[in-house]
Amino acid sequence: MVVAGTRDRPQVLARSEIALADPGAEGSGQPFHAAFGTLEKNERRLASRITEIRRIAELSVASVLRDWAASGWTIQRAALVVGSLNPPEAIANEHIRAHALEGQLFRTVLQDALSANGVQSDVMTERTLYGEASEVLEQNVSDLKSAVSLLGHSIGRPWQADHKLAATAAWMRLS
């Protein structure tokens, strides 16, 4: 999501999807999942999957940044919105821990790929985002959500919850 303008007048300029997995690469979508909801314990298989995910992320981030640069935009900061920052190791259930490990992996791989391309990134959680944005942007949460919904008109459909979260995080980071 590219958001520009000022804190008083943000505008969504573009959105792109950054691939972090390849449906054709075995295990890249859920690298910590083994059969029947258990945690992958084969270190060699896991290392291979993680290497592939890093490669995909690096290529995808570089491609999106090139496309945006061709449109005249230099991206300097990124805001990543994640479900949780809790340590996966604290989760007893193997299946839930696999999901948490994947969330942590995809977040760090994306941060690394952005950093390698000179883009600083911040991480925020979905649960606290609107409260934090409300303070930073000095708007109540209800008005903020309405304003974010309207931001989507400039870019068209789809304009779903994940797009709204990304736009809110980017809006918070405008200088």
N, C-alpha and C. Protein backbone atom coordinates (compact mmCIF):
# COMPACT_ATOMS: atom_id res chain seq x y z
N MET A 1 0.86 -1.16 0.00
CA MET A 1 0.00 0.00 0.00
C MET A 1 0.91 1.23 0.00
N VAL A 2 0.67 2.13 -0.90
CA VAL A 2 1.40 3.40 -0.92
C VAL A 2 0.43 4.49 -0.50
N VAL A 3 0.74 5.13 0.61
CA VAL A 3 -0.06 6.24 1.10
C VAL A 3 0.85 7.47 1.13
N ALA A 4 0.37 8.55 0.54
CA ALA A 4 1.14 9.79 0.51
C ALA A 4 0.25 10.92 0.98
N GLY A 5 0.80 12.12 1.00
CA GLY A 5 0.06 13.29 1.43
C GLY A 5 0.54 13.73 2.80
N THR A 6 -0.40 14.23 3.58
CA THR A 6 -0.09 14.68 4.94
C THR A 6 -0.99 13.93 5.91
N ARG A 7 -0.73 14.10 7.18
CA ARG A 7 -1.59 13.46 8.18
C ARG A 7 -3.02 13.99 8.08
N ASP A 8 -3.18 15.23 7.66
CA ASP A 8 -4.52 15.79 7.53
C ASP A 8 -5.20 15.40 6.23
N ARG A 9 -4.41 15.06 5.21
CA ARG A 9 -4.98 14.73 3.89
C ARG A 9 -4.23 13.56 3.25
N PRO A 10 -4.40 12.37 3.81
CA PRO A 10 -3.73 11.20 3.21
C PRO A 10 -4.43 10.78 1.92
N GLN A 11 -3.67 10.10 1.08
CA GLN A 11 -4.23 9.59 -0.17
C GLN A 11 -3.57 8.25 -0.48
N VAL A 12 -4.38 7.27 -0.82
CA VAL A 12 -3.86 5.97 -1.23
C VAL A 12 -3.52 6.07 -2.72
N LEU A 13 -2.27 5.84 -3.04
CA LEU A 13 -1.82 5.95 -4.43
C LEU A 13 -1.77 4.61 -5.15
N ALA A 14 -1.44 3.56 -4.41
CA ALA A 14 -1.27 2.25 -5.05
C ALA A 14 -1.32 1.16 -4.00
N ARG A 15 -1.55 -0.04 -4.47
CA ARG A 15 -1.43 -1.21 -3.60
C ARG A 15 -0.88 -2.35 -4.45
N SER A 16 -0.09 -3.15 -3.82
CA SER A 16 0.47 -4.32 -4.48
C SER A 16 0.54 -5.43 -3.46
N GLU A 17 0.58 -6.63 -3.97
CA GLU A 17 0.74 -7.78 -3.09
C GLU A 17 2.19 -8.22 -3.16
N ILE A 18 2.77 -8.46 -2.02
CA ILE A 18 4.15 -8.95 -1.96
C ILE A 18 4.07 -10.44 -1.64
N ALA A 19 4.55 -11.25 -2.56
CA ALA A 19 4.51 -12.69 -2.38
C ALA A 19 5.56 -13.12 -1.36
N LEU A 20 5.14 -13.97 -0.45
CA LEU A 20 6.07 -14.53 0.53
C LEU A 20 6.14 -16.05 0.41
N ALA A 21 5.35 -16.59 -0.49
CA ALA A 21 5.34 -18.03 -0.72
C ALA A 21 5.00 -18.28 -2.18
N ASP A 22 5.35 -19.46 -2.64
CA ASP A 22 5.05 -19.89 -4.00
C ASP A 22 4.19 -21.14 -3.91
N PRO A 23 2.96 -21.06 -4.41
CA PRO A 23 2.09 -22.24 -4.33
C PRO A 23 2.70 -23.48 -4.98
N GLY A 24 3.61 -23.28 -5.91
CA GLY A 24 4.25 -24.40 -6.58
C GLY A 24 5.43 -24.97 -5.81
N ALA A 25 5.89 -24.27 -4.77
CA ALA A 25 7.03 -24.74 -3.98
C ALA A 25 6.50 -25.44 -2.73
N GLU A 26 6.72 -26.73 -2.65
CA GLU A 26 6.19 -27.55 -1.56
C GLU A 26 6.55 -26.96 -0.20
N GLY A 27 5.52 -26.70 0.60
CA GLY A 27 5.73 -26.25 1.97
C GLY A 27 6.02 -24.78 2.16
N SER A 28 6.08 -24.00 1.09
CA SER A 28 6.45 -22.59 1.29
C SER A 28 5.34 -21.77 1.92
N GLY A 29 4.09 -22.22 1.78
CA GLY A 29 2.98 -21.48 2.37
C GLY A 29 2.83 -21.74 3.86
N GLN A 30 3.18 -22.95 4.28
CA GLN A 30 3.10 -23.32 5.69
C GLN A 30 4.34 -24.16 6.03
N PRO A 31 5.49 -23.52 6.12
CA PRO A 31 6.74 -24.27 6.28
C PRO A 31 6.88 -25.03 7.60
N PHE A 32 6.19 -24.62 8.63
CA PHE A 32 6.32 -25.29 9.93
C PHE A 32 5.27 -26.37 10.14
N HIS A 33 4.43 -26.61 9.13
CA HIS A 33 3.40 -27.64 9.23
C HIS A 33 3.91 -28.96 8.64
N ALA A 34 3.76 -30.02 9.43
CA ALA A 34 4.01 -31.37 8.92
C ALA A 34 2.63 -32.00 8.73
N ALA A 35 2.58 -33.26 8.57
CA ALA A 35 1.29 -33.94 8.33
C ALA A 35 0.39 -33.89 9.56
N PHE A 36 -0.90 -33.80 9.30
CA PHE A 36 -1.94 -33.90 10.33
C PHE A 36 -1.82 -32.85 11.44
N GLY A 37 -1.41 -31.63 11.09
CA GLY A 37 -1.38 -30.54 12.06
C GLY A 37 -0.25 -30.60 13.06
N THR A 38 0.75 -31.40 12.79
CA THR A 38 1.90 -31.46 13.71
C THR A 38 2.99 -30.51 13.24
N LEU A 39 3.91 -30.23 14.12
CA LEU A 39 5.01 -29.32 13.85
C LEU A 39 6.09 -30.02 13.03
N GLU A 40 6.57 -29.36 11.98
CA GLU A 40 7.65 -29.91 11.14
C GLU A 40 8.92 -30.00 11.98
N LYS A 41 9.51 -31.19 12.05
CA LYS A 41 10.72 -31.38 12.85
C LYS A 41 11.94 -31.74 12.00
N ASN A 42 11.73 -31.94 10.69
CA ASN A 42 12.83 -32.27 9.79
C ASN A 42 13.58 -30.97 9.49
N GLU A 43 14.73 -30.80 10.12
CA GLU A 43 15.50 -29.54 10.03
C GLU A 43 15.94 -29.24 8.59
N ARG A 44 16.30 -30.26 7.84
CA ARG A 44 16.73 -30.05 6.46
C ARG A 44 15.58 -29.57 5.59
N ARG A 45 14.43 -30.18 5.74
CA ARG A 45 13.24 -29.77 4.99
C ARG A 45 12.85 -28.34 5.38
N LEU A 46 12.89 -28.06 6.67
CA LEU A 46 12.53 -26.73 7.16
C LEU A 46 13.51 -25.67 6.64
N ALA A 47 14.80 -25.96 6.68
CA ALA A 47 15.81 -25.01 6.19
C ALA A 47 15.62 -24.74 4.70
N SER A 48 15.30 -25.76 3.94
CA SER A 48 15.07 -25.59 2.50
C SER A 48 13.85 -24.71 2.25
N ARG A 49 12.78 -24.94 3.00
CA ARG A 49 11.58 -24.12 2.85
C ARG A 49 11.85 -22.66 3.20
N ILE A 50 12.57 -22.44 4.28
CA ILE A 50 12.87 -21.07 4.72
C ILE A 50 13.75 -20.36 3.69
N THR A 51 14.71 -21.06 3.14
CA THR A 51 15.56 -20.48 2.09
C THR A 51 14.71 -20.07 0.89
N GLU A 52 13.76 -20.91 0.50
CA GLU A 52 12.88 -20.60 -0.63
C GLU A 52 12.00 -19.39 -0.31
N ILE A 53 11.48 -19.32 0.89
CA ILE A 53 10.64 -18.18 1.30
C ILE A 53 11.45 -16.89 1.26
N ARG A 54 12.67 -16.92 1.75
CA ARG A 54 13.54 -15.73 1.70
C ARG A 54 13.77 -15.28 0.25
N ARG A 55 14.03 -16.25 -0.62
CA ARG A 55 14.27 -15.94 -2.03
C ARG A 55 13.03 -15.30 -2.66
N ILE A 56 11.88 -15.88 -2.41
CA ILE A 56 10.63 -15.35 -2.95
C ILE A 56 10.38 -13.94 -2.44
N ALA A 57 10.56 -13.73 -1.15
CA ALA A 57 10.32 -12.41 -0.55
C ALA A 57 11.27 -11.36 -1.13
N GLU A 58 12.53 -11.70 -1.25
CA GLU A 58 13.51 -10.75 -1.80
C GLU A 58 13.16 -10.34 -3.22
N LEU A 59 12.81 -11.32 -4.05
CA LEU A 59 12.43 -11.03 -5.44
C LEU A 59 11.15 -10.20 -5.50
N SER A 60 10.17 -10.56 -4.70
CA SER A 60 8.88 -9.88 -4.71
C SER A 60 9.00 -8.44 -4.23
N VAL A 61 9.71 -8.21 -3.13
CA VAL A 61 9.90 -6.85 -2.61
C VAL A 61 10.64 -6.00 -3.64
N ALA A 62 11.72 -6.53 -4.19
CA ALA A 62 12.48 -5.77 -5.19
C ALA A 62 11.62 -5.43 -6.40
N SER A 63 10.79 -6.36 -6.84
CA SER A 63 9.93 -6.12 -7.99
C SER A 63 8.88 -5.04 -7.71
N VAL A 64 8.24 -5.11 -6.56
CA VAL A 64 7.24 -4.10 -6.20
C VAL A 64 7.88 -2.73 -6.07
N LEU A 65 9.03 -2.66 -5.43
CA LEU A 65 9.71 -1.37 -5.28
C LEU A 65 10.14 -0.80 -6.63
N ARG A 66 10.57 -1.67 -7.54
CA ARG A 66 10.91 -1.22 -8.91
C ARG A 66 9.69 -0.66 -9.62
N ASP A 67 8.57 -1.37 -9.50
CA ASP A 67 7.32 -0.91 -10.13
C ASP A 67 6.91 0.45 -9.58
N TRP A 68 7.00 0.61 -8.28
CA TRP A 68 6.61 1.88 -7.67
C TRP A 68 7.58 2.99 -8.04
N ALA A 69 8.86 2.65 -8.13
CA ALA A 69 9.85 3.65 -8.55
C ALA A 69 9.57 4.10 -9.99
N ALA A 70 9.14 3.19 -10.84
CA ALA A 70 8.79 3.53 -12.22
C ALA A 70 7.60 4.48 -12.27
N SER A 71 6.78 4.45 -11.22
CA SER A 71 5.64 5.37 -11.12
C SER A 71 6.04 6.69 -10.45
N GLY A 72 7.31 6.79 -10.07
CA GLY A 72 7.81 8.02 -9.48
C GLY A 72 7.81 8.05 -7.97
N TRP A 73 7.58 6.91 -7.32
CA TRP A 73 7.53 6.88 -5.86
C TRP A 73 8.76 6.20 -5.29
N THR A 74 9.41 6.87 -4.36
CA THR A 74 10.53 6.28 -3.63
C THR A 74 10.01 5.91 -2.25
N ILE A 75 10.03 4.65 -1.94
CA ILE A 75 9.51 4.16 -0.67
C ILE A 75 10.66 4.17 0.34
N GLN A 76 10.43 4.86 1.44
CA GLN A 76 11.46 4.95 2.48
C GLN A 76 11.07 4.22 3.76
N ARG A 77 9.76 4.11 4.01
CA ARG A 77 9.29 3.46 5.23
C ARG A 77 8.15 2.52 4.91
N ALA A 78 8.07 1.48 5.71
CA ALA A 78 6.97 0.53 5.59
C ALA A 78 6.44 0.24 6.99
N ALA A 79 5.17 -0.02 7.07
CA ALA A 79 4.52 -0.41 8.32
C ALA A 79 3.91 -1.78 8.11
N LEU A 80 4.29 -2.72 8.92
CA LEU A 80 3.77 -4.08 8.83
C LEU A 80 2.76 -4.31 9.94
N VAL A 81 1.59 -4.79 9.59
CA VAL A 81 0.55 -5.07 10.58
C VAL A 81 0.47 -6.59 10.72
N VAL A 82 0.66 -7.06 11.94
CA VAL A 82 0.69 -8.51 12.20
C VAL A 82 -0.35 -8.88 13.26
N GLY A 83 -0.67 -10.15 13.31
CA GLY A 83 -1.65 -10.62 14.27
C GLY A 83 -1.14 -10.63 15.69
N SER A 84 0.13 -10.99 15.89
CA SER A 84 0.66 -11.12 17.23
C SER A 84 2.18 -10.98 17.22
N LEU A 85 2.70 -10.51 18.33
CA LEU A 85 4.15 -10.47 18.54
C LEU A 85 4.56 -11.40 19.68
N ASN A 86 3.62 -12.22 20.14
CA ASN A 86 3.91 -13.14 21.24
C ASN A 86 4.90 -14.20 20.77
N PRO A 87 5.81 -14.63 21.65
CA PRO A 87 6.80 -15.65 21.25
C PRO A 87 6.13 -17.00 21.00
N PRO A 88 6.34 -17.58 19.82
CA PRO A 88 5.72 -18.86 19.49
C PRO A 88 6.12 -20.00 20.44
N GLU A 89 7.31 -19.91 20.99
CA GLU A 89 7.81 -20.97 21.87
C GLU A 89 6.93 -21.16 23.10
N ALA A 90 6.16 -20.13 23.47
CA ALA A 90 5.30 -20.20 24.65
C ALA A 90 3.99 -20.93 24.38
N ILE A 91 3.74 -21.32 23.15
CA ILE A 91 2.48 -21.96 22.78
C ILE A 91 2.64 -23.48 22.85
N ALA A 92 1.81 -24.12 23.68
CA ALA A 92 1.92 -25.56 23.90
C ALA A 92 1.39 -26.37 22.72
N ASN A 93 0.29 -25.97 22.14
CA ASN A 93 -0.32 -26.71 21.04
C ASN A 93 0.56 -26.60 19.80
N GLU A 94 1.02 -27.75 19.28
CA GLU A 94 1.95 -27.75 18.14
C GLU A 94 1.36 -27.10 16.89
N HIS A 95 0.10 -27.33 16.62
CA HIS A 95 -0.50 -26.78 15.42
C HIS A 95 -0.58 -25.25 15.50
N ILE A 96 -1.00 -24.74 16.63
CA ILE A 96 -1.08 -23.29 16.83
C ILE A 96 0.33 -22.70 16.83
N ARG A 97 1.29 -23.40 17.43
CA ARG A 97 2.68 -22.93 17.44
C ARG A 97 3.23 -22.86 16.01
N ALA A 98 2.87 -23.82 15.16
CA ALA A 98 3.31 -23.80 13.76
C ALA A 98 2.82 -22.52 13.08
N HIS A 99 1.56 -22.16 13.30
CA HIS A 99 1.04 -20.92 12.72
C HIS A 99 1.79 -19.70 13.27
N ALA A 100 2.05 -19.69 14.55
CA ALA A 100 2.76 -18.56 15.16
C ALA A 100 4.20 -18.46 14.63
N LEU A 101 4.86 -19.60 14.46
CA LEU A 101 6.22 -19.61 13.90
C LEU A 101 6.20 -19.09 12.47
N GLU A 102 5.18 -19.45 11.71
CA GLU A 102 5.07 -18.97 10.33
C GLU A 102 4.83 -17.46 10.30
N GLY A 103 3.99 -16.97 11.18
CA GLY A 103 3.77 -15.52 11.25
C GLY A 103 5.07 -14.79 11.57
N GLN A 104 5.81 -15.31 12.53
CA GLN A 104 7.09 -14.71 12.90
C GLN A 104 8.08 -14.77 11.74
N LEU A 105 8.14 -15.91 11.06
CA LEU A 105 9.05 -16.07 9.92
C LEU A 105 8.71 -15.10 8.80
N PHE A 106 7.44 -15.06 8.38
CA PHE A 106 7.05 -14.19 7.27
C PHE A 106 7.31 -12.73 7.61
N ARG A 107 7.06 -12.33 8.85
CA ARG A 107 7.32 -10.95 9.28
C ARG A 107 8.81 -10.62 9.19
N THR A 108 9.66 -11.49 9.72
CA THR A 108 11.09 -11.19 9.73
C THR A 108 11.69 -11.27 8.32
N VAL A 109 11.21 -12.19 7.51
CA VAL A 109 11.68 -12.30 6.12
C VAL A 109 11.31 -11.03 5.35
N LEU A 110 10.09 -10.54 5.56
CA LEU A 110 9.66 -9.31 4.90
C LEU A 110 10.48 -8.12 5.38
N GLN A 111 10.70 -8.03 6.69
CA GLN A 111 11.53 -6.93 7.21
C GLN A 111 12.94 -6.99 6.63
N ASP A 112 13.51 -8.17 6.55
CA ASP A 112 14.86 -8.32 5.99
C ASP A 112 14.91 -7.89 4.52
N ALA A 113 13.90 -8.30 3.75
CA ALA A 113 13.86 -7.95 2.33
C ALA A 113 13.69 -6.44 2.15
N LEU A 114 12.85 -5.83 2.96
CA LEU A 114 12.69 -4.37 2.90
C LEU A 114 13.99 -3.68 3.26
N SER A 115 14.61 -4.10 4.34
CA SER A 115 15.87 -3.51 4.78
C SER A 115 16.96 -3.63 3.72
N ALA A 116 17.03 -4.77 3.06
CA ALA A 116 18.02 -4.98 2.00
C ALA A 116 17.81 -4.01 0.84
N ASN A 117 16.60 -3.47 0.73
CA ASN A 117 16.28 -2.51 -0.32
C ASN A 117 16.20 -1.08 0.22
N GLY A 118 16.76 -0.86 1.41
CA GLY A 118 16.83 0.48 1.97
C GLY A 118 15.54 1.02 2.55
N VAL A 119 14.60 0.14 2.88
CA VAL A 119 13.31 0.57 3.42
C VAL A 119 13.24 0.19 4.90
N GLN A 120 13.07 1.21 5.74
CA GLN A 120 12.91 1.00 7.17
C GLN A 120 11.49 0.51 7.44
N SER A 121 11.32 -0.43 8.37
CA SER A 121 9.98 -0.93 8.65
C SER A 121 9.67 -0.92 10.14
N ASP A 122 8.40 -0.69 10.43
CA ASP A 122 7.87 -0.75 11.79
C ASP A 122 6.84 -1.87 11.82
N VAL A 123 6.67 -2.49 12.97
CA VAL A 123 5.70 -3.56 13.12
C VAL A 123 4.66 -3.15 14.15
N MET A 124 3.40 -3.35 13.80
CA MET A 124 2.28 -3.05 14.68
C MET A 124 1.35 -4.24 14.71
N THR A 125 0.58 -4.37 15.78
CA THR A 125 -0.38 -5.47 15.86
C THR A 125 -1.78 -4.99 15.50
N GLU A 126 -2.54 -5.89 14.90
CA GLU A 126 -3.92 -5.59 14.52
C GLU A 126 -4.74 -5.12 15.72
N ARG A 127 -4.53 -5.79 16.85
CA ARG A 127 -5.33 -5.53 18.04
C ARG A 127 -5.18 -4.11 18.55
N THR A 128 -3.99 -3.55 18.45
CA THR A 128 -3.74 -2.22 19.03
C THR A 128 -3.67 -1.10 17.99
N LEU A 129 -3.73 -1.46 16.71
CA LEU A 129 -3.49 -0.48 15.65
C LEU A 129 -4.43 0.72 15.71
N TYR A 130 -5.74 0.47 15.75
CA TYR A 130 -6.67 1.60 15.71
C TYR A 130 -6.56 2.49 16.95
N GLY A 131 -6.28 1.90 18.10
CA GLY A 131 -6.08 2.71 19.31
C GLY A 131 -4.85 3.59 19.19
N GLU A 132 -3.76 3.02 18.69
CA GLU A 132 -2.53 3.80 18.50
C GLU A 132 -2.73 4.87 17.44
N ALA A 133 -3.40 4.51 16.35
CA ALA A 133 -3.64 5.47 15.27
C ALA A 133 -4.53 6.60 15.76
N SER A 134 -5.49 6.28 16.59
CA SER A 134 -6.38 7.29 17.15
C SER A 134 -5.59 8.35 17.92
N GLU A 135 -4.62 7.90 18.70
CA GLU A 135 -3.78 8.84 19.46
C GLU A 135 -2.87 9.65 18.54
N VAL A 136 -2.19 8.98 17.63
CA VAL A 136 -1.24 9.65 16.74
C VAL A 136 -1.94 10.66 15.83
N LEU A 137 -3.08 10.25 15.29
CA LEU A 137 -3.78 11.08 14.32
C LEU A 137 -4.81 12.01 14.96
N GLU A 138 -4.93 11.88 16.28
CA GLU A 138 -5.82 12.74 17.07
C GLU A 138 -7.25 12.72 16.55
N GLN A 139 -7.77 11.48 16.37
CA GLN A 139 -9.15 11.26 15.95
C GLN A 139 -9.72 10.13 16.80
N ASN A 140 -11.02 10.17 17.05
CA ASN A 140 -11.59 9.02 17.76
C ASN A 140 -11.62 7.83 16.79
N VAL A 141 -11.67 6.64 17.35
CA VAL A 141 -11.56 5.42 16.56
C VAL A 141 -12.67 5.32 15.51
N SER A 142 -13.87 5.67 15.87
CA SER A 142 -14.99 5.59 14.93
C SER A 142 -14.77 6.50 13.72
N ASP A 143 -14.38 7.75 13.96
CA ASP A 143 -14.11 8.67 12.86
C ASP A 143 -12.93 8.20 12.01
N LEU A 144 -11.93 7.64 12.68
CA LEU A 144 -10.76 7.13 11.98
C LEU A 144 -11.14 5.99 11.04
N LYS A 145 -11.93 5.06 11.53
CA LYS A 145 -12.35 3.93 10.69
C LYS A 145 -13.18 4.41 9.50
N SER A 146 -14.02 5.40 9.72
CA SER A 146 -14.81 5.96 8.62
C SER A 146 -13.91 6.60 7.58
N ALA A 147 -12.92 7.36 8.05
CA ALA A 147 -11.99 8.03 7.14
C ALA A 147 -11.20 7.00 6.33
N VAL A 148 -10.77 5.93 6.98
CA VAL A 148 -10.01 4.88 6.29
C VAL A 148 -10.89 4.19 5.25
N SER A 149 -12.14 3.97 5.56
CA SER A 149 -13.05 3.38 4.58
C SER A 149 -13.16 4.25 3.34
N LEU A 150 -13.22 5.56 3.54
CA LEU A 150 -13.31 6.50 2.43
C LEU A 150 -12.02 6.54 1.60
N LEU A 151 -10.88 6.30 2.24
CA LEU A 151 -9.60 6.29 1.51
C LEU A 151 -9.63 5.28 0.37
N GLY A 152 -10.35 4.19 0.57
CA GLY A 152 -10.40 3.14 -0.44
C GLY A 152 -11.09 3.54 -1.72
N HIS A 153 -11.91 4.60 -1.69
CA HIS A 153 -12.62 5.01 -2.90
C HIS A 153 -11.66 5.41 -4.02
N SER A 154 -10.52 5.96 -3.65
CA SER A 154 -9.58 6.43 -4.67
C SER A 154 -8.90 5.28 -5.41
N ILE A 155 -8.88 4.12 -4.79
CA ILE A 155 -8.16 3.00 -5.41
C ILE A 155 -9.10 1.90 -5.89
N GLY A 156 -10.33 1.91 -5.44
CA GLY A 156 -11.31 0.92 -5.89
C GLY A 156 -11.26 -0.40 -5.12
N ARG A 157 -12.08 -1.30 -5.59
CA ARG A 157 -12.18 -2.61 -4.93
C ARG A 157 -11.05 -3.53 -5.35
N PRO A 158 -10.65 -4.46 -4.54
CA PRO A 158 -11.18 -4.71 -3.21
C PRO A 158 -10.63 -3.73 -2.19
N TRP A 159 -11.39 -3.49 -1.15
CA TRP A 159 -10.97 -2.63 -0.03
C TRP A 159 -11.45 -3.32 1.24
N GLN A 160 -10.69 -4.32 1.63
CA GLN A 160 -11.07 -5.20 2.73
C GLN A 160 -10.33 -4.83 4.01
N ALA A 161 -10.60 -5.59 5.05
CA ALA A 161 -10.02 -5.29 6.37
C ALA A 161 -8.50 -5.19 6.34
N ASP A 162 -7.83 -6.11 5.62
CA ASP A 162 -6.37 -6.06 5.58
C ASP A 162 -5.86 -4.81 4.85
N HIS A 163 -6.59 -4.38 3.82
CA HIS A 163 -6.21 -3.15 3.12
C HIS A 163 -6.39 -1.94 4.05
N LYS A 164 -7.47 -1.93 4.80
CA LYS A 164 -7.74 -0.83 5.73
C LYS A 164 -6.68 -0.77 6.83
N LEU A 165 -6.29 -1.92 7.33
CA LEU A 165 -5.23 -1.96 8.35
C LEU A 165 -3.92 -1.41 7.79
N ALA A 166 -3.58 -1.85 6.58
CA ALA A 166 -2.33 -1.38 5.95
C ALA A 166 -2.38 0.12 5.71
N ALA A 167 -3.51 0.62 5.23
CA ALA A 167 -3.63 2.06 4.98
C ALA A 167 -3.56 2.85 6.28
N THR A 168 -4.17 2.34 7.33
CA THR A 168 -4.12 3.01 8.63
C THR A 168 -2.70 3.09 9.15
N ALA A 169 -1.97 1.98 9.07
CA ALA A 169 -0.58 1.96 9.52
C ALA A 169 0.28 2.92 8.71
N ALA A 170 0.08 2.95 7.40
CA ALA A 170 0.85 3.86 6.55
C ALA A 170 0.50 5.30 6.85
N TRP A 171 -0.77 5.59 7.06
CA TRP A 171 -1.22 6.95 7.38
C TRP A 171 -0.56 7.44 8.66
N MET A 172 -0.44 6.57 9.64
CA MET A 172 0.22 6.93 10.91
C MET A 172 1.66 7.36 10.69
N ARG A 173 2.31 6.78 9.69
CA ARG A 173 3.74 7.03 9.48
C ARG A 173 4.04 8.21 8.57
N LEU A 174 3.00 8.89 8.07
CA LEU A 174 3.25 10.07 7.24
C LEU A 174 3.95 11.15 8.07
N SER A 175 4.90 11.80 7.48
CA SER A 175 5.63 12.85 8.21
C SER A 175 4.77 14.07 8.37
